[in-house]
């Protein structure tokens, strides 16, 4: 094995690059989430699908919890708790 080192320097992204990356990913992922939610809404067609009010509540609850979790991840005040017990 040789001791050659990689001459490429790894430099941290600039704040502008980080922002551009965030915007690009956030827009794409949000658009995908909105499209998925719209598809769930398409299940409202009673002639095609059998559903009941409890189903709708479960779906809405799961989506609301996912949004709450996403918001918690962006909140710097939220303490990241890691617990371990034997």
PDB file of N, CA and C in Angstrom:
ATOM      1  N   UNK A   1       0.829  -1.175   0.000  1.00  0.00           N
ATOM      2  CA  UNK A   1       0.000   0.000   0.000  1.00  0.00           C
ATOM      3  C   UNK A   1       0.877   1.242   0.000  1.00  0.00           C
ATOM      4  N   UNK A   2       0.503   2.259  -0.738  1.00  0.00           N
ATOM      5  CA  UNK A   2       1.333   3.460  -0.796  1.00  0.00           C
ATOM      6  C   UNK A   2       0.875   4.486   0.219  1.00  0.00           C
ATOM      7  N   UNK A   3       1.795   5.405   0.536  1.00  0.00           N
ATOM      8  CA  UNK A   3       1.496   6.462   1.499  1.00  0.00           C
ATOM      9  C   UNK A   3       1.099   7.762   0.819  1.00  0.00           C
ATOM     10  N   UNK A   4       0.586   7.688  -0.385  1.00  0.00           N
ATOM     11  CA  UNK A   4       0.194   8.904  -1.097  1.00  0.00           C
ATOM     12  C   UNK A   4      -0.987   9.551  -0.386  1.00  0.00           C
ATOM     13  N   UNK A   5      -0.909  10.861  -0.260  1.00  0.00           N
ATOM     14  CA  UNK A   5      -2.016  11.593   0.356  1.00  0.00           C
ATOM     15  C   UNK A   5      -2.799  12.300  -0.721  1.00  0.00           C
ATOM     16  N   UNK A   6      -4.022  12.540  -0.441  1.00  0.00           N
ATOM     17  CA  UNK A   6      -4.886  13.245  -1.370  1.00  0.00           C
ATOM     18  C   UNK A   6      -4.556  14.731  -1.302  1.00  0.00           C
ATOM     19  N   UNK A   7      -4.210  15.325  -2.434  1.00  0.00           N
ATOM     20  CA  UNK A   7      -3.825  16.733  -2.470  1.00  0.00           C
ATOM     21  C   UNK A   7      -5.015  17.676  -2.447  1.00  0.00           C
ATOM     22  N   UNK A   8      -6.196  17.164  -2.609  1.00  0.00           N
ATOM     23  CA  UNK A   8      -7.383  18.021  -2.604  1.00  0.00           C
ATOM     24  C   UNK A   8      -7.697  18.446  -1.180  1.00  0.00           C
ATOM     25  N   UNK A   9      -7.867  19.733  -1.005  1.00  0.00           N
ATOM     26  CA  UNK A   9      -8.247  20.234   0.315  1.00  0.00           C
ATOM     27  C   UNK A   9      -9.759  20.204   0.424  1.00  0.00           C
ATOM     28  N   UNK A  10     -10.227  19.783   1.559  1.00  0.00           N
ATOM     29  CA  UNK A  10     -11.656  19.798   1.810  1.00  0.00           C
ATOM     30  C   UNK A  10     -11.968  21.088   2.537  1.00  0.00           C
ATOM     31  N   UNK A  11     -12.760  21.930   1.888  1.00  0.00           N
ATOM     32  CA  UNK A  11     -13.102  23.178   2.552  1.00  0.00           C
ATOM     33  C   UNK A  11     -14.583  23.188   2.888  1.00  0.00           C
ATOM     34  N   UNK A  12     -14.871  23.807   3.983  1.00  0.00           N
ATOM     35  CA  UNK A  12     -16.257  23.878   4.454  1.00  0.00           C
ATOM     36  C   UNK A  12     -17.061  24.763   3.508  1.00  0.00           C
ATOM     37  N   UNK A  13     -18.330  24.414   3.302  1.00  0.00           N
ATOM     38  CA  UNK A  13     -19.162  25.253   2.436  1.00  0.00           C
ATOM     39  C   UNK A  13     -19.382  26.631   3.056  1.00  0.00           C
ATOM     40  N   UNK A  14     -19.507  27.613   2.191  1.00  0.00           N
ATOM     41  CA  UNK A  14     -19.770  28.976   2.654  1.00  0.00           C
ATOM     42  C   UNK A  14     -21.212  29.072   3.129  1.00  0.00           C
ATOM     43  N   UNK A  15     -21.537  30.109   3.899  1.00  0.00           N
ATOM     44  CA  UNK A  15     -22.943  30.289   4.302  1.00  0.00           C
ATOM     45  C   UNK A  15     -23.885  30.381   3.099  1.00  0.00           C
ATOM     46  N   UNK A  16     -23.422  30.992   2.019  1.00  0.00           N
ATOM     47  CA  UNK A  16     -24.257  31.108   0.815  1.00  0.00           C
ATOM     48  C   UNK A  16     -24.500  29.740   0.190  1.00  0.00           C
ATOM     49  N   UNK A  17     -23.458  28.904   0.170  1.00  0.00           N
ATOM     50  CA  UNK A  17     -23.602  27.553  -0.377  1.00  0.00           C
ATOM     51  C   UNK A  17     -24.524  26.709   0.497  1.00  0.00           C
ATOM     52  N   UNK A  18     -24.377  26.853   1.803  1.00  0.00           N
ATOM     53  CA  UNK A  18     -25.239  26.108   2.720  1.00  0.00           C
ATOM     54  C   UNK A  18     -26.695  26.527   2.544  1.00  0.00           C
ATOM     55  N   UNK A  19     -26.918  27.836   2.388  1.00  0.00           N
ATOM     56  CA  UNK A  19     -28.283  28.352   2.200  1.00  0.00           C
ATOM     57  C   UNK A  19     -28.867  27.834   0.887  1.00  0.00           C
ATOM     58  N   UNK A  20     -28.085  27.902  -0.186  1.00  0.00           N
ATOM     59  CA  UNK A  20     -28.566  27.436  -1.489  1.00  0.00           C
ATOM     60  C   UNK A  20     -28.905  25.949  -1.439  1.00  0.00           C
ATOM     61  N   UNK A  21     -28.083  25.172  -0.755  1.00  0.00           N
ATOM     62  CA  UNK A  21     -28.341  23.742  -0.620  1.00  0.00           C
ATOM     63  C   UNK A  21     -29.617  23.495   0.178  1.00  0.00           C
ATOM     64  N   UNK A  22     -29.792  24.247   1.271  1.00  0.00           N
ATOM     65  CA  UNK A  22     -31.001  24.104   2.079  1.00  0.00           C
ATOM     66  C   UNK A  22     -32.240  24.424   1.250  1.00  0.00           C
ATOM     67  N   UNK A  23     -32.207  25.553   0.535  1.00  0.00           N
ATOM     68  CA  UNK A  23     -33.367  25.970  -0.261  1.00  0.00           C
ATOM     69  C   UNK A  23     -33.697  24.913  -1.308  1.00  0.00           C
ATOM     70  N   UNK A  24     -32.682  24.425  -1.995  1.00  0.00           N
ATOM     71  CA  UNK A  24     -32.898  23.416  -3.038  1.00  0.00           C
ATOM     72  C   UNK A  24     -33.554  22.162  -2.463  1.00  0.00           C
ATOM     73  N   UNK A  25     -32.996  21.652  -1.376  1.00  0.00           N
ATOM     74  CA  UNK A  25     -33.537  20.430  -0.779  1.00  0.00           C
ATOM     75  C   UNK A  25     -34.902  20.662  -0.134  1.00  0.00           C
ATOM     76  N   UNK A  26     -35.058  21.780   0.567  1.00  0.00           N
ATOM     77  CA  UNK A  26     -36.332  22.060   1.245  1.00  0.00           C
ATOM     78  C   UNK A  26     -37.466  22.205   0.239  1.00  0.00           C
ATOM     79  N   UNK A  27     -37.213  22.910  -0.857  1.00  0.00           N
ATOM     80  CA  UNK A  27     -38.266  23.081  -1.861  1.00  0.00           C
ATOM     81  C   UNK A  27     -38.665  21.740  -2.470  1.00  0.00           C
ATOM     82  N   UNK A  28     -37.692  20.927  -2.826  1.00  0.00           N
ATOM     83  CA  UNK A  28     -37.996  19.630  -3.430  1.00  0.00           C
ATOM     84  C   UNK A  28     -38.720  18.697  -2.479  1.00  0.00           C
ATOM     85  N   UNK A  29     -38.244  18.635  -1.238  1.00  0.00           N
ATOM     86  CA  UNK A  29     -38.862  17.732  -0.265  1.00  0.00           C
ATOM     87  C   UNK A  29     -40.251  18.208   0.142  1.00  0.00           C
ATOM     88  N   UNK A  30     -40.418  19.525   0.259  1.00  0.00           N
ATOM     89  CA  UNK A  30     -41.739  20.050   0.616  1.00  0.00           C
ATOM     90  C   UNK A  30     -42.725  19.800  -0.516  1.00  0.00           C
ATOM     91  N   UNK A  31     -42.285  20.005  -1.750  1.00  0.00           N
ATOM     92  CA  UNK A  31     -43.159  19.749  -2.894  1.00  0.00           C
ATOM     93  C   UNK A  31     -43.564  18.280  -2.940  1.00  0.00           C
ATOM     94  N   UNK A  32     -42.631  17.384  -2.651  1.00  0.00           N
ATOM     95  CA  UNK A  32     -42.945  15.951  -2.637  1.00  0.00           C
ATOM     96  C   UNK A  32     -43.934  15.620  -1.523  1.00  0.00           C
ATOM     97  N   UNK A  33     -43.757  16.234  -0.357  1.00  0.00           N
ATOM     98  CA  UNK A  33     -44.680  15.995   0.760  1.00  0.00           C
ATOM     99  C   UNK A  33     -46.076  16.502   0.419  1.00  0.00           C
ATOM    100  N   UNK A  34     -46.153  17.681  -0.188  1.00  0.00           N
ATOM    101  CA  UNK A  34     -47.460  18.228  -0.566  1.00  0.00           C
ATOM    102  C   UNK A  34     -48.147  17.341  -1.605  1.00  0.00           C
ATOM    103  N   UNK A  35     -47.379  16.819  -2.540  1.00  0.00           N
ATOM    104  CA  UNK A  35     -47.952  15.925  -3.551  1.00  0.00           C
ATOM    105  C   UNK A  35     -48.470  14.644  -2.902  1.00  0.00           C
ATOM    106  N   UNK A  36     -47.730  14.120  -1.932  1.00  0.00           N
ATOM    107  CA  UNK A  36     -48.170  12.904  -1.238  1.00  0.00           C
ATOM    108  C   UNK A  36     -49.448  13.163  -0.446  1.00  0.00           C
ATOM    109  N   UNK A  37     -49.530  14.320   0.195  1.00  0.00           N
ATOM    110  CA  UNK A  37     -50.737  14.666   0.953  1.00  0.00           C
ATOM    111  C   UNK A  37     -51.923  14.816   0.007  1.00  0.00           C
ATOM    112  N   UNK A  38     -51.683  15.400  -1.164  1.00  0.00           N
ATOM    113  CA  UNK A  38     -52.762  15.532  -2.144  1.00  0.00           C
ATOM    114  C   UNK A  38     -53.258  14.149  -2.574  1.00  0.00           C
ATOM    115  N   UNK A  39     -52.355  13.206  -2.725  1.00  0.00           N
ATOM    116  CA  UNK A  39     -52.750  11.844  -3.097  1.00  0.00           C
ATOM    117  C   UNK A  39     -53.585  11.199  -2.000  1.00  0.00           C
ATOM    118  N   UNK A  40     -53.256  11.482  -0.743  1.00  0.00           N
ATOM    119  CA  UNK A  40     -54.081  10.974   0.356  1.00  0.00           C
ATOM    120  C   UNK A  40     -55.477  11.570   0.243  1.00  0.00           C
ATOM    121  N   UNK A  41     -55.547  12.858  -0.082  1.00  0.00           N
ATOM    122  CA  UNK A  41     -56.843  13.514  -0.264  1.00  0.00           C
ATOM    123  C   UNK A  41     -57.666  12.877  -1.366  1.00  0.00           C
ATOM    124  N   UNK A  42     -57.005  12.337  -2.363  1.00  0.00           N
ATOM    125  CA  UNK A  42     -57.720  11.669  -3.452  1.00  0.00           C
ATOM    126  C   UNK A  42     -58.461  10.423  -2.974  1.00  0.00           C
ATOM    127  N   UNK A  43     -58.112   9.919  -1.796  1.00  0.00           N
ATOM    128  CA  UNK A  43     -58.812   8.761  -1.238  1.00  0.00           C
ATOM    129  C   UNK A  43     -60.214   9.119  -0.745  1.00  0.00           C
ATOM    130  N   UNK A  44     -60.581  10.380  -0.833  1.00  0.00           N
ATOM    131  CA  UNK A  44     -61.901  10.808  -0.364  1.00  0.00           C
ATOM    132  C   UNK A  44     -63.025  10.374  -1.305  1.00  0.00           C
ATOM    133  N   UNK A  45     -62.707   9.864  -2.461  1.00  0.00           N
ATOM    134  CA  UNK A  45     -63.703   9.422  -3.429  1.00  0.00           C
ATOM    135  C   UNK A  45     -64.445   8.205  -2.877  1.00  0.00           C
ATOM    136  N   UNK A  46     -65.661   8.434  -2.391  1.00  0.00           N
ATOM    137  CA  UNK A  46     -66.445   7.364  -1.756  1.00  0.00           C
ATOM    138  C   UNK A  46     -66.875   6.275  -2.729  1.00  0.00           C
ATOM    139  N   UNK A  47     -66.970   6.592  -4.011  1.00  0.00           N
ATOM    140  CA  UNK A  47     -67.354   5.573  -4.985  1.00  0.00           C
ATOM    141  C   UNK A  47     -66.222   4.582  -5.232  1.00  0.00           C
ATOM    142  N   UNK A  48     -64.992   5.002  -4.951  1.00  0.00           N
ATOM    143  CA  UNK A  48     -63.846   4.129  -5.209  1.00  0.00           C
ATOM    144  C   UNK A  48     -63.275   3.485  -3.948  1.00  0.00           C
ATOM    145  N   UNK A  49     -63.473   4.137  -2.787  1.00  0.00           N
ATOM    146  CA  UNK A  49     -62.814   3.674  -1.566  1.00  0.00           C
ATOM    147  C   UNK A  49     -63.782   3.592  -0.402  1.00  0.00           C
ATOM    148  N   UNK A  50     -63.633   2.559   0.393  1.00  0.00           N
ATOM    149  CA  UNK A  50     -64.412   2.416   1.618  1.00  0.00           C
ATOM    150  C   UNK A  50     -63.601   2.969   2.778  1.00  0.00           C
ATOM    151  N   UNK A  51     -64.158   3.896   3.483  1.00  0.00           N
ATOM    152  CA  UNK A  51     -63.443   4.514   4.602  1.00  0.00           C
ATOM    153  C   UNK A  51     -64.428   4.863   5.691  1.00  0.00           C
ATOM    154  N   UNK A  52     -63.908   5.205   6.865  1.00  0.00           N
ATOM    155  CA  UNK A  52     -64.776   5.669   7.938  1.00  0.00           C
ATOM    156  C   UNK A  52     -64.089   6.843   8.638  1.00  0.00           C
ATOM    157  N   UNK A  53     -64.827   7.580   9.448  1.00  0.00           N
ATOM    158  CA  UNK A  53     -64.249   8.761  10.105  1.00  0.00           C
ATOM    159  C   UNK A  53     -63.014   8.452  10.956  1.00  0.00           C
ATOM    160  N   UNK A  54     -62.955   7.264  11.550  1.00  0.00           N
ATOM    161  CA  UNK A  54     -61.789   6.902  12.359  1.00  0.00           C
ATOM    162  C   UNK A  54     -60.527   6.827  11.493  1.00  0.00           C
ATOM    163  N   UNK A  55     -60.681   6.358  10.258  1.00  0.00           N
ATOM    164  CA  UNK A  55     -59.537   6.299   9.344  1.00  0.00           C
ATOM    165  C   UNK A  55     -58.980   7.695   9.088  1.00  0.00           C
ATOM    166  N   UNK A  56     -59.880   8.626   8.839  1.00  0.00           N
ATOM    167  CA  UNK A  56     -59.471  10.000   8.533  1.00  0.00           C
ATOM    168  C   UNK A  56     -58.766  10.613   9.739  1.00  0.00           C
ATOM    169  N   UNK A  57     -59.304  10.369  10.930  1.00  0.00           N
ATOM    170  CA  UNK A  57     -58.679  10.900  12.147  1.00  0.00           C
ATOM    171  C   UNK A  57     -57.278  10.334  12.339  1.00  0.00           C
ATOM    172  N   UNK A  58     -57.090   9.039  12.070  1.00  0.00           N
ATOM    173  CA  UNK A  58     -55.771   8.417  12.216  1.00  0.00           C
ATOM    174  C   UNK A  58     -54.771   9.018  11.229  1.00  0.00           C
ATOM    175  N   UNK A  59     -55.206   9.197   9.996  1.00  0.00           N
ATOM    176  CA  UNK A  59     -54.328   9.775   8.976  1.00  0.00           C
ATOM    177  C   UNK A  59     -53.948  11.199   9.364  1.00  0.00           C
ATOM    178  N   UNK A  60     -54.947  12.007   9.719  1.00  0.00           N
ATOM    179  CA  UNK A  60     -54.690  13.401  10.089  1.00  0.00           C
ATOM    180  C   UNK A  60     -53.790  13.483  11.314  1.00  0.00           C
ATOM    181  N   UNK A  61     -54.013  12.615  12.277  1.00  0.00           N
ATOM    182  CA  UNK A  61     -53.197  12.602  13.487  1.00  0.00           C
ATOM    183  C   UNK A  61     -51.741  12.269  13.165  1.00  0.00           C
ATOM    184  N   UNK A  62     -51.527  11.292  12.311  1.00  0.00           N
ATOM    185  CA  UNK A  62     -50.162  10.910  11.932  1.00  0.00           C
ATOM    186  C   UNK A  62     -49.455  12.051  11.208  1.00  0.00           C
ATOM    187  N   UNK A  63     -50.173  12.731  10.323  1.00  0.00           N
ATOM    188  CA  UNK A  63     -49.574  13.850   9.595  1.00  0.00           C
ATOM    189  C   UNK A  63     -49.263  15.018  10.530  1.00  0.00           C
ATOM    190  N   UNK A  64     -50.185  15.310  11.446  1.00  0.00           N
ATOM    191  CA  UNK A  64     -49.953  16.398  12.408  1.00  0.00           C
ATOM    192  C   UNK A  64     -48.755  16.091  13.302  1.00  0.00           C
ATOM    193  N   UNK A  65     -48.618  14.852  13.728  1.00  0.00           N
ATOM    194  CA  UNK A  65     -47.485  14.465  14.572  1.00  0.00           C
ATOM    195  C   UNK A  65     -46.173  14.573  13.799  1.00  0.00           C
ATOM    196  N   UNK A  66     -46.195  14.192  12.529  1.00  0.00           N
ATOM    197  CA  UNK A  66     -44.986  14.305  11.707  1.00  0.00           C
ATOM    198  C   UNK A  66     -44.573  15.770  11.552  1.00  0.00           C
ATOM    199  N   UNK A  67     -45.541  16.659  11.379  1.00  0.00           N
ATOM    200  CA  UNK A  67     -45.237  18.089  11.271  1.00  0.00           C
ATOM    201  C   UNK A  67     -44.705  18.615  12.592  1.00  0.00           C
ATOM    202  N   UNK A  68     -45.311  18.208  13.703  1.00  0.00           N
ATOM    203  CA  UNK A  68     -44.837  18.644  15.020  1.00  0.00           C
ATOM    204  C   UNK A  68     -43.399  18.179  15.254  1.00  0.00           C
ATOM    205  N   UNK A  69     -43.081  16.964  14.862  1.00  0.00           N
ATOM    206  CA  UNK A  69     -41.722  16.441  15.020  1.00  0.00           C
ATOM    207  C   UNK A  69     -40.738  17.231  14.157  1.00  0.00           C
ATOM    208  N   UNK A  70     -41.136  17.547  12.934  1.00  0.00           N
ATOM    209  CA  UNK A  70     -40.285  18.341  12.055  1.00  0.00           C
ATOM    210  C   UNK A  70     -40.012  19.709  12.677  1.00  0.00           C
ATOM    211  N   UNK A  71     -41.050  20.343  13.236  1.00  0.00           N
ATOM    212  CA  UNK A  71     -40.882  21.652  13.875  1.00  0.00           C
ATOM    213  C   UNK A  71     -39.969  21.553  15.095  1.00  0.00           C
ATOM    214  N   UNK A  72     -40.088  20.468  15.862  1.00  0.00           N
ATOM    215  CA  UNK A  72     -39.203  20.277  17.024  1.00  0.00           C
ATOM    216  C   UNK A  72     -37.742  20.182  16.591  1.00  0.00           C
ATOM    217  N   UNK A  73     -37.494  19.534  15.475  1.00  0.00           N
ATOM    218  CA  UNK A  73     -36.123  19.390  14.991  1.00  0.00           C
ATOM    219  C   UNK A  73     -35.508  20.740  14.620  1.00  0.00           C
ATOM    220  N   UNK A  74     -36.323  21.675  14.167  1.00  0.00           N
ATOM    221  CA  UNK A  74     -35.825  22.996  13.795  1.00  0.00           C
ATOM    222  C   UNK A  74     -35.740  23.952  14.977  1.00  0.00           C
ATOM    223  N   UNK A  75     -36.305  23.588  16.112  1.00  0.00           N
ATOM    224  CA  UNK A  75     -36.308  24.466  17.288  1.00  0.00           C
ATOM    225  C   UNK A  75     -35.021  24.261  18.077  1.00  0.00           C
ATOM    226  N   UNK A  76     -34.168  25.291  18.144  1.00  0.00           N
ATOM    227  CA  UNK A  76     -32.903  25.127  18.869  1.00  0.00           C
ATOM    228  C   UNK A  76     -33.094  24.946  20.372  1.00  0.00           C
ATOM    229  N   UNK A  77     -34.247  25.293  20.889  1.00  0.00           N
ATOM    230  CA  UNK A  77     -34.521  25.159  22.319  1.00  0.00           C
ATOM    231  C   UNK A  77     -34.868  23.723  22.707  1.00  0.00           C
ATOM    232  N   UNK A  78     -35.230  22.921  21.725  1.00  0.00           N
ATOM    233  CA  UNK A  78     -35.612  21.542  21.998  1.00  0.00           C
ATOM    234  C   UNK A  78     -34.380  20.753  22.400  1.00  0.00           C
ATOM    235  N   UNK A  79     -34.461  20.157  23.553  1.00  0.00           N
ATOM    236  CA  UNK A  79     -33.347  19.366  24.061  1.00  0.00           C
ATOM    237  C   UNK A  79     -33.383  17.984  23.430  1.00  0.00           C
ATOM    238  N   UNK A  80     -32.264  17.575  22.910  1.00  0.00           N
ATOM    239  CA  UNK A  80     -32.163  16.243  22.319  1.00  0.00           C
ATOM    240  C   UNK A  80     -31.841  15.260  23.442  1.00  0.00           C
ATOM    241  N   UNK A  81     -32.838  14.532  23.867  1.00  0.00           N
ATOM    242  CA  UNK A  81     -32.655  13.600  24.975  1.00  0.00           C
ATOM    243  C   UNK A  81     -32.308  12.217  24.446  1.00  0.00           C
ATOM    244  N   UNK A  82     -31.252  11.681  24.980  1.00  0.00           N
ATOM    245  CA  UNK A  82     -30.869  10.312  24.671  1.00  0.00           C
ATOM    246  C   UNK A  82     -30.849   9.572  25.993  1.00  0.00           C
ATOM    247  N   UNK A  83     -31.656   8.542  26.079  1.00  0.00           N
ATOM    248  CA  UNK A  83     -31.702   7.779  27.323  1.00  0.00           C
ATOM    249  C   UNK A  83     -31.335   6.337  27.039  1.00  0.00           C
ATOM    250  N   UNK A  84     -30.737   5.729  28.034  1.00  0.00           N
ATOM    251  CA  UNK A  84     -30.368   4.331  27.925  1.00  0.00           C
ATOM    252  C   UNK A  84     -30.532   3.693  29.291  1.00  0.00           C
ATOM    253  N   UNK A  85     -31.167   2.541  29.311  1.00  0.00           N
ATOM    254  CA  UNK A  85     -31.344   1.796  30.559  1.00  0.00           C
ATOM    255  C   UNK A  85     -31.103   0.329  30.291  1.00  0.00           C
ATOM    256  N   UNK A  86     -30.539  -0.318  31.273  1.00  0.00           N
ATOM    257  CA  UNK A  86     -30.374  -1.776  31.212  1.00  0.00           C
ATOM    258  C   UNK A  86     -31.385  -2.432  32.109  1.00  0.00           C
TER     259      UNK A  86
END
